[in-house]
Amino acid sequence: MLAKRLKWLGTYIELVELVYALYVSEVLGNIPMKELFSVLGEVFDFDFDTKNFSRTFTDIKTRAISDRTKF
């Protein structure tokens, strides 16, 4: 457990993009997406709406190539 949680100051989309990048690159191992959201939500003191993050992933994957991500 962290003694002090970090506070995410970016947007919801930016954090989802970061989680997505970590998930697809498997740099944290083969962790299930839902578990990754749970862990990073705790680390960043952010309450993910688990019903919407999969929709947000779909939106990210279908973006035009010119719409770059920040992360």
PDB file of N, CA and C in Angstrom:
ATOM      1  N   MET A   1       0.830  -1.190   0.000  1.00  0.00           N
ATOM      2  CA  MET A   1       0.000   0.000   0.000  1.00  0.00           C
ATOM      3  C   MET A   1       0.868   1.245   0.000  1.00  0.00           C
ATOM      4  N   LEU A   2       0.450   2.228  -0.717  1.00  0.00           N
ATOM      5  CA  LEU A   2       1.169   3.497  -0.724  1.00  0.00           C
ATOM      6  C   LEU A   2       0.867   4.281   0.540  1.00  0.00           C
ATOM      7  N   ALA A   3       1.886   4.899   1.096  1.00  0.00           N
ATOM      8  CA  ALA A   3       1.662   5.735   2.274  1.00  0.00           C
ATOM      9  C   ALA A   3       0.859   6.969   1.888  1.00  0.00           C
ATOM     10  N   LYS A   4       1.122   7.482   0.699  1.00  0.00           N
ATOM     11  CA  LYS A   4       0.407   8.657   0.208  1.00  0.00           C
ATOM     12  C   LYS A   4       0.019   8.397  -1.243  1.00  0.00           C
ATOM     13  N   ARG A   5      -1.225   8.575  -1.559  1.00  0.00           N
ATOM     14  CA  ARG A   5      -1.674   8.367  -2.937  1.00  0.00           C
ATOM     15  C   ARG A   5      -1.307   9.567  -3.790  1.00  0.00           C
ATOM     16  N   LEU A   6      -1.073   9.286  -5.040  1.00  0.00           N
ATOM     17  CA  LEU A   6      -0.850  10.343  -6.015  1.00  0.00           C
ATOM     18  C   LEU A   6      -2.203  10.814  -6.506  1.00  0.00           C
ATOM     19  N   LYS A   7      -2.325  12.056  -6.875  1.00  0.00           N
ATOM     20  CA  LYS A   7      -3.588  12.593  -7.376  1.00  0.00           C
ATOM     21  C   LYS A   7      -3.457  12.844  -8.867  1.00  0.00           C
ATOM     22  N   TRP A   8      -4.310  12.201  -9.656  1.00  0.00           N
ATOM     23  CA  TRP A   8      -4.308  12.407 -11.102  1.00  0.00           C
ATOM     24  C   TRP A   8      -4.943  13.756 -11.398  1.00  0.00           C
ATOM     25  N   LEU A   9      -4.217  14.619 -12.114  1.00  0.00           N
ATOM     26  CA  LEU A   9      -4.707  15.956 -12.439  1.00  0.00           C
ATOM     27  C   LEU A   9      -5.076  16.101 -13.905  1.00  0.00           C
ATOM     28  N   GLY A  10      -4.822  15.066 -14.681  1.00  0.00           N
ATOM     29  CA  GLY A  10      -5.186  15.091 -16.088  1.00  0.00           C
ATOM     30  C   GLY A  10      -6.650  14.731 -16.275  1.00  0.00           C
ATOM     31  N   THR A  11      -7.037  14.586 -17.528  1.00  0.00           N
ATOM     32  CA  THR A  11      -8.417  14.236 -17.846  1.00  0.00           C
ATOM     33  C   THR A  11      -8.622  12.725 -17.746  1.00  0.00           C
ATOM     34  N   TYR A  12      -9.871  12.336 -17.727  1.00  0.00           N
ATOM     35  CA  TYR A  12     -10.247  10.918 -17.728  1.00  0.00           C
ATOM     36  C   TYR A  12      -9.665  10.231 -18.960  1.00  0.00           C
ATOM     37  N   ILE A  13      -9.806  10.856 -20.116  1.00  0.00           N
ATOM     38  CA  ILE A  13      -9.321  10.274 -21.373  1.00  0.00           C
ATOM     39  C   ILE A  13      -7.808  10.071 -21.317  1.00  0.00           C
ATOM     40  N   GLU A  14      -7.087  11.043 -20.779  1.00  0.00           N
ATOM     41  CA  GLU A  14      -5.631  10.923 -20.694  1.00  0.00           C
ATOM     42  C   GLU A  14      -5.220   9.736 -19.825  1.00  0.00           C
ATOM     43  N   LEU A  15      -5.909   9.529 -18.734  1.00  0.00           N
ATOM     44  CA  LEU A  15      -5.586   8.398 -17.862  1.00  0.00           C
ATOM     45  C   LEU A  15      -5.962   7.075 -18.527  1.00  0.00           C
ATOM     46  N   VAL A  16      -7.069   7.041 -19.220  1.00  0.00           N
ATOM     47  CA  VAL A  16      -7.458   5.827 -19.945  1.00  0.00           C
ATOM     48  C   VAL A  16      -6.422   5.521 -21.025  1.00  0.00           C
ATOM     49  N   GLU A  17      -5.926   6.555 -21.719  1.00  0.00           N
ATOM     50  CA  GLU A  17      -4.889   6.346 -22.734  1.00  0.00           C
ATOM     51  C   GLU A  17      -3.626   5.760 -22.112  1.00  0.00           C
ATOM     52  N   LEU A  18      -3.255   6.252 -20.944  1.00  0.00           N
ATOM     53  CA  LEU A  18      -2.078   5.733 -20.256  1.00  0.00           C
ATOM     54  C   LEU A  18      -2.283   4.268 -19.870  1.00  0.00           C
ATOM     55  N   VAL A  19      -3.424   3.957 -19.303  1.00  0.00           N
ATOM     56  CA  VAL A  19      -3.727   2.571 -18.925  1.00  0.00           C
ATOM     57  C   VAL A  19      -3.732   1.682 -20.168  1.00  0.00           C
ATOM     58  N   TYR A  20      -4.329   2.168 -21.244  1.00  0.00           N
ATOM     59  CA  TYR A  20      -4.377   1.405 -22.491  1.00  0.00           C
ATOM     60  C   TYR A  20      -2.965   1.116 -23.005  1.00  0.00           C
ATOM     61  N   ALA A  21      -2.091   2.127 -22.971  1.00  0.00           N
ATOM     62  CA  ALA A  21      -0.709   1.948 -23.431  1.00  0.00           C
ATOM     63  C   ALA A  21       0.010   0.894 -22.593  1.00  0.00           C
ATOM     64  N   LEU A  22      -0.179   0.947 -21.284  1.00  0.00           N
ATOM     65  CA  LEU A  22       0.445  -0.043 -20.401  1.00  0.00           C
ATOM     66  C   LEU A  22      -0.120  -1.438 -20.653  1.00  0.00           C
ATOM     67  N   TYR A  23      -1.410  -1.505 -20.926  1.00  0.00           N
ATOM     68  CA  TYR A  23      -2.076  -2.790 -21.159  1.00  0.00           C
ATOM     69  C   TYR A  23      -1.596  -3.449 -22.456  1.00  0.00           C
ATOM     70  N   VAL A  24      -1.631  -2.712 -23.561  1.00  0.00           N
ATOM     71  CA  VAL A  24      -1.283  -3.326 -24.849  1.00  0.00           C
ATOM     72  C   VAL A  24       0.210  -3.615 -24.970  1.00  0.00           C
ATOM     73  N   SER A  25       1.046  -2.840 -24.282  1.00  0.00           N
ATOM     74  CA  SER A  25       2.483  -3.082 -24.352  1.00  0.00           C
ATOM     75  C   SER A  25       2.923  -4.211 -23.421  1.00  0.00           C
ATOM     76  N   GLU A  26       2.053  -4.587 -22.487  1.00  0.00           N
ATOM     77  CA  GLU A  26       2.320  -5.652 -21.518  1.00  0.00           C
ATOM     78  C   GLU A  26       3.601  -5.416 -20.721  1.00  0.00           C
ATOM     79  N   VAL A  27       3.948  -4.138 -20.480  1.00  0.00           N
ATOM     80  CA  VAL A  27       5.144  -3.831 -19.700  1.00  0.00           C
ATOM     81  C   VAL A  27       4.963  -4.167 -18.223  1.00  0.00           C
ATOM     82  N   LEU A  28       3.731  -4.356 -17.795  1.00  0.00           N
ATOM     83  CA  LEU A  28       3.447  -4.752 -16.418  1.00  0.00           C
ATOM     84  C   LEU A  28       3.044  -6.217 -16.342  1.00  0.00           C
ATOM     85  N   GLY A  29       3.296  -6.945 -17.416  1.00  0.00           N
ATOM     86  CA  GLY A  29       2.919  -8.345 -17.474  1.00  0.00           C
ATOM     87  C   GLY A  29       1.549  -8.505 -18.114  1.00  0.00           C
ATOM     88  N   ASN A  30       1.043  -9.693 -18.056  1.00  0.00           N
ATOM     89  CA  ASN A  30      -0.241 -10.007 -18.675  1.00  0.00           C
ATOM     90  C   ASN A  30      -1.365  -9.819 -17.653  1.00  0.00           C
ATOM     91  N   ILE A  31      -1.527  -8.595 -17.193  1.00  0.00           N
ATOM     92  CA  ILE A  31      -2.520  -8.274 -16.173  1.00  0.00           C
ATOM     93  C   ILE A  31      -3.863  -7.977 -16.850  1.00  0.00           C
ATOM     94  N   PRO A  32      -4.956  -8.501 -16.340  1.00  0.00           N
ATOM     95  CA  PRO A  32      -6.264  -8.195 -16.932  1.00  0.00           C
ATOM     96  C   PRO A  32      -6.548  -6.689 -16.878  1.00  0.00           C
ATOM     97  N   MET A  33      -7.194  -6.193 -17.903  1.00  0.00           N
ATOM     98  CA  MET A  33      -7.466  -4.769 -18.017  1.00  0.00           C
ATOM     99  C   MET A  33      -8.220  -4.226 -16.809  1.00  0.00           C
ATOM    100  N   LYS A  34      -9.222  -4.952 -16.365  1.00  0.00           N
ATOM    101  CA  LYS A  34     -10.023  -4.492 -15.231  1.00  0.00           C
ATOM    102  C   LYS A  34      -9.162  -4.362 -13.973  1.00  0.00           C
ATOM    103  N   GLU A  35      -8.253  -5.308 -13.781  1.00  0.00           N
ATOM    104  CA  GLU A  35      -7.356  -5.254 -12.624  1.00  0.00           C
ATOM    105  C   GLU A  35      -6.385  -4.077 -12.735  1.00  0.00           C
ATOM    106  N   LEU A  36      -5.898  -3.824 -13.938  1.00  0.00           N
ATOM    107  CA  LEU A  36      -4.999  -2.696 -14.157  1.00  0.00           C
ATOM    108  C   LEU A  36      -5.697  -1.377 -13.838  1.00  0.00           C
ATOM    109  N   PHE A  37      -6.943  -1.245 -14.271  1.00  0.00           N
ATOM    110  CA  PHE A  37      -7.718  -0.046 -13.932  1.00  0.00           C
ATOM    111  C   PHE A  37      -7.894   0.079 -12.424  1.00  0.00           C
ATOM    112  N   SER A  38      -8.160  -1.020 -11.770  1.00  0.00           N
ATOM    113  CA  SER A  38      -8.361  -0.998 -10.325  1.00  0.00           C
ATOM    114  C   SER A  38      -7.098  -0.550  -9.594  1.00  0.00           C
ATOM    115  N   VAL A  39      -5.969  -1.129  -9.970  1.00  0.00           N
ATOM    116  CA  VAL A  39      -4.700  -0.800  -9.319  1.00  0.00           C
ATOM    117  C   VAL A  39      -4.323   0.658  -9.567  1.00  0.00           C
ATOM    118  N   LEU A  40      -4.385   1.087 -10.815  1.00  0.00           N
ATOM    119  CA  LEU A  40      -3.993   2.461 -11.120  1.00  0.00           C
ATOM    120  C   LEU A  40      -5.001   3.471 -10.591  1.00  0.00           C
ATOM    121  N   GLY A  41      -6.250   3.082 -10.498  1.00  0.00           N
ATOM    122  CA  GLY A  41      -7.237   3.952  -9.866  1.00  0.00           C
ATOM    123  C   GLY A  41      -6.891   4.194  -8.409  1.00  0.00           C
ATOM    124  N   GLU A  42      -6.406   3.152  -7.744  1.00  0.00           N
ATOM    125  CA  GLU A  42      -5.990   3.299  -6.344  1.00  0.00           C
ATOM    126  C   GLU A  42      -4.721   4.142  -6.235  1.00  0.00           C
ATOM    127  N   VAL A  43      -3.763   3.880  -7.116  1.00  0.00           N
ATOM    128  CA  VAL A  43      -2.503   4.630  -7.093  1.00  0.00           C
ATOM    129  C   VAL A  43      -2.749   6.122  -7.301  1.00  0.00           C
ATOM    130  N   PHE A  44      -3.604   6.445  -8.270  1.00  0.00           N
ATOM    131  CA  PHE A  44      -3.840   7.844  -8.625  1.00  0.00           C
ATOM    132  C   PHE A  44      -5.051   8.451  -7.932  1.00  0.00           C
ATOM    133  N   ASP A  45      -5.640   7.733  -6.981  1.00  0.00           N
ATOM    134  CA  ASP A  45      -6.806   8.228  -6.253  1.00  0.00           C
ATOM    135  C   ASP A  45      -7.891   8.675  -7.236  1.00  0.00           C
ATOM    136  N   PHE A  46      -8.208   7.771  -8.164  1.00  0.00           N
ATOM    137  CA  PHE A  46      -9.151   8.069  -9.237  1.00  0.00           C
ATOM    138  C   PHE A  46     -10.194   6.965  -9.288  1.00  0.00           C
ATOM    139  N   ASP A  47     -11.452   7.341  -9.292  1.00  0.00           N
ATOM    140  CA  ASP A  47     -12.537   6.366  -9.319  1.00  0.00           C
ATOM    141  C   ASP A  47     -12.987   6.152 -10.760  1.00  0.00           C
ATOM    142  N   PHE A  48     -12.534   5.052 -11.350  1.00  0.00           N
ATOM    143  CA  PHE A  48     -12.934   4.729 -12.718  1.00  0.00           C
ATOM    144  C   PHE A  48     -14.363   4.218 -12.741  1.00  0.00           C
ATOM    145  N   ASP A  49     -15.096   4.652 -13.722  1.00  0.00           N
ATOM    146  CA  ASP A  49     -16.420   4.091 -13.974  1.00  0.00           C
ATOM    147  C   ASP A  49     -16.188   2.867 -14.848  1.00  0.00           C
ATOM    148  N   THR A  50     -16.222   1.679 -14.247  1.00  0.00           N
ATOM    149  CA  THR A  50     -15.864   0.462 -14.975  1.00  0.00           C
ATOM    150  C   THR A  50     -16.798   0.156 -16.135  1.00  0.00           C
ATOM    151  N   LYS A  51     -17.951   0.771 -16.159  1.00  0.00           N
ATOM    152  CA  LYS A  51     -18.866   0.539 -17.271  1.00  0.00           C
ATOM    153  C   LYS A  51     -18.455   1.339 -18.501  1.00  0.00           C
ATOM    154  N   ASN A  52     -17.705   2.415 -18.323  1.00  0.00           N
ATOM    155  CA  ASN A  52     -17.365   3.281 -19.446  1.00  0.00           C
ATOM    156  C   ASN A  52     -15.961   3.098 -19.988  1.00  0.00           C
ATOM    157  N   PHE A  53     -15.046   2.498 -19.228  1.00  0.00           N
ATOM    158  CA  PHE A  53     -13.682   2.464 -19.728  1.00  0.00           C
ATOM    159  C   PHE A  53     -13.538   1.604 -20.970  1.00  0.00           C
ATOM    160  N   SER A  54     -14.313   0.538 -21.100  1.00  0.00           N
ATOM    161  CA  SER A  54     -14.203  -0.281 -22.312  1.00  0.00           C
ATOM    162  C   SER A  54     -14.721   0.478 -23.527  1.00  0.00           C
ATOM    163  N   ARG A  55     -15.731   1.288 -23.345  1.00  0.00           N
ATOM    164  CA  ARG A  55     -16.236   2.125 -24.445  1.00  0.00           C
ATOM    165  C   ARG A  55     -15.183   3.163 -24.837  1.00  0.00           C
ATOM    166  N   THR A  56     -14.519   3.723 -23.841  1.00  0.00           N
ATOM    167  CA  THR A  56     -13.475   4.704 -24.113  1.00  0.00           C
ATOM    168  C   THR A  56     -12.336   4.058 -24.888  1.00  0.00           C
ATOM    169  N   PHE A  57     -11.965   2.810 -24.555  1.00  0.00           N
ATOM    170  CA  PHE A  57     -10.950   2.088 -25.313  1.00  0.00           C
ATOM    171  C   PHE A  57     -11.364   1.949 -26.772  1.00  0.00           C
ATOM    172  N   THR A  58     -12.600   1.599 -27.007  1.00  0.00           N
ATOM    173  CA  THR A  58     -13.100   1.458 -28.373  1.00  0.00           C
ATOM    174  C   THR A  58     -12.981   2.775 -29.117  1.00  0.00           C
ATOM    175  N   ASP A  59     -13.347   3.865 -28.466  1.00  0.00           N
ATOM    176  CA  ASP A  59     -13.241   5.187 -29.086  1.00  0.00           C
ATOM    177  C   ASP A  59     -11.790   5.526 -29.420  1.00  0.00           C
ATOM    178  N   ILE A  60     -10.877   5.197 -28.522  1.00  0.00           N
ATOM    179  CA  ILE A  60      -9.456   5.471 -28.757  1.00  0.00           C
ATOM    180  C   ILE A  60      -8.959   4.682 -29.969  1.00  0.00           C
ATOM    181  N   LYS A  61      -9.320   3.413 -30.057  1.00  0.00           N
ATOM    182  CA  LYS A  61      -8.846   2.563 -31.149  1.00  0.00           C
ATOM    183  C   LYS A  61      -9.401   2.979 -32.503  1.00  0.00           C
ATOM    184  N   THR A  62     -10.561   3.627 -32.528  1.00  0.00           N
ATOM    185  CA  THR A  62     -11.170   3.993 -33.805  1.00  0.00           C
ATOM    186  C   THR A  62     -10.902   5.440 -34.202  1.00  0.00           C
ATOM    187  N   ARG A  63     -10.073   6.133 -33.462  1.00  0.00           N
ATOM    188  CA  ARG A  63      -9.728   7.513 -33.810  1.00  0.00           C
ATOM    189  C   ARG A  63      -9.001   7.564 -35.137  1.00  0.00           C
ATOM    190  N   ALA A  64      -9.083   8.730 -35.745  1.00  0.00           N
ATOM    191  CA  ALA A  64      -8.296   8.960 -36.952  1.00  0.00           C
ATOM    192  C   ALA A  64      -6.821   8.977 -36.563  1.00  0.00           C
ATOM    193  N   ILE A  65      -5.972   8.584 -37.473  1.00  0.00           N
ATOM    194  CA  ILE A  65      -4.537   8.529 -37.194  1.00  0.00           C
ATOM    195  C   ILE A  65      -3.992   9.901 -36.808  1.00  0.00           C
ATOM    196  N   SER A  66      -4.555  10.959 -37.350  1.00  0.00           N
ATOM    197  CA  SER A  66      -4.056  12.304 -37.056  1.00  0.00           C
ATOM    198  C   SER A  66      -4.372  12.755 -35.634  1.00  0.00           C
ATOM    199  N   ASP A  67      -5.323  12.099 -34.970  1.00  0.00           N
ATOM    200  CA  ASP A  67      -5.659  12.444 -33.587  1.00  0.00           C
ATOM    201  C   ASP A  67      -4.722  11.684 -32.660  1.00  0.00           C
ATOM    202  N   ARG A  68      -3.632  12.318 -32.293  1.00  0.00           N
ATOM    203  CA  ARG A  68      -2.620  11.654 -31.489  1.00  0.00           C
ATOM    204  C   ARG A  68      -2.983  11.675 -30.018  1.00  0.00           C
ATOM    205  N   THR A  69      -2.456  10.718 -29.305  1.00  0.00           N
ATOM    206  CA  THR A  69      -2.648  10.679 -27.862  1.00  0.00           C
ATOM    207  C   THR A  69      -1.521  11.438 -27.176  1.00  0.00           C
ATOM    208  N   LYS A  70      -1.753  11.852 -25.945  1.00  0.00           N
ATOM    209  CA  LYS A  70      -0.709  12.525 -25.180  1.00  0.00           C
ATOM    210  C   LYS A  70       0.255  11.524 -24.565  1.00  0.00           C
ATOM    211  N   PHE A  71      -0.206  10.292 -24.375  1.00  0.00           N
ATOM    212  CA  PHE A  71       0.630   9.310 -23.693  1.00  0.00           C
ATOM    213  C   PHE A  71       0.937   8.147 -24.593  1.00  0.00           C
TER     214      PHE A  71
END
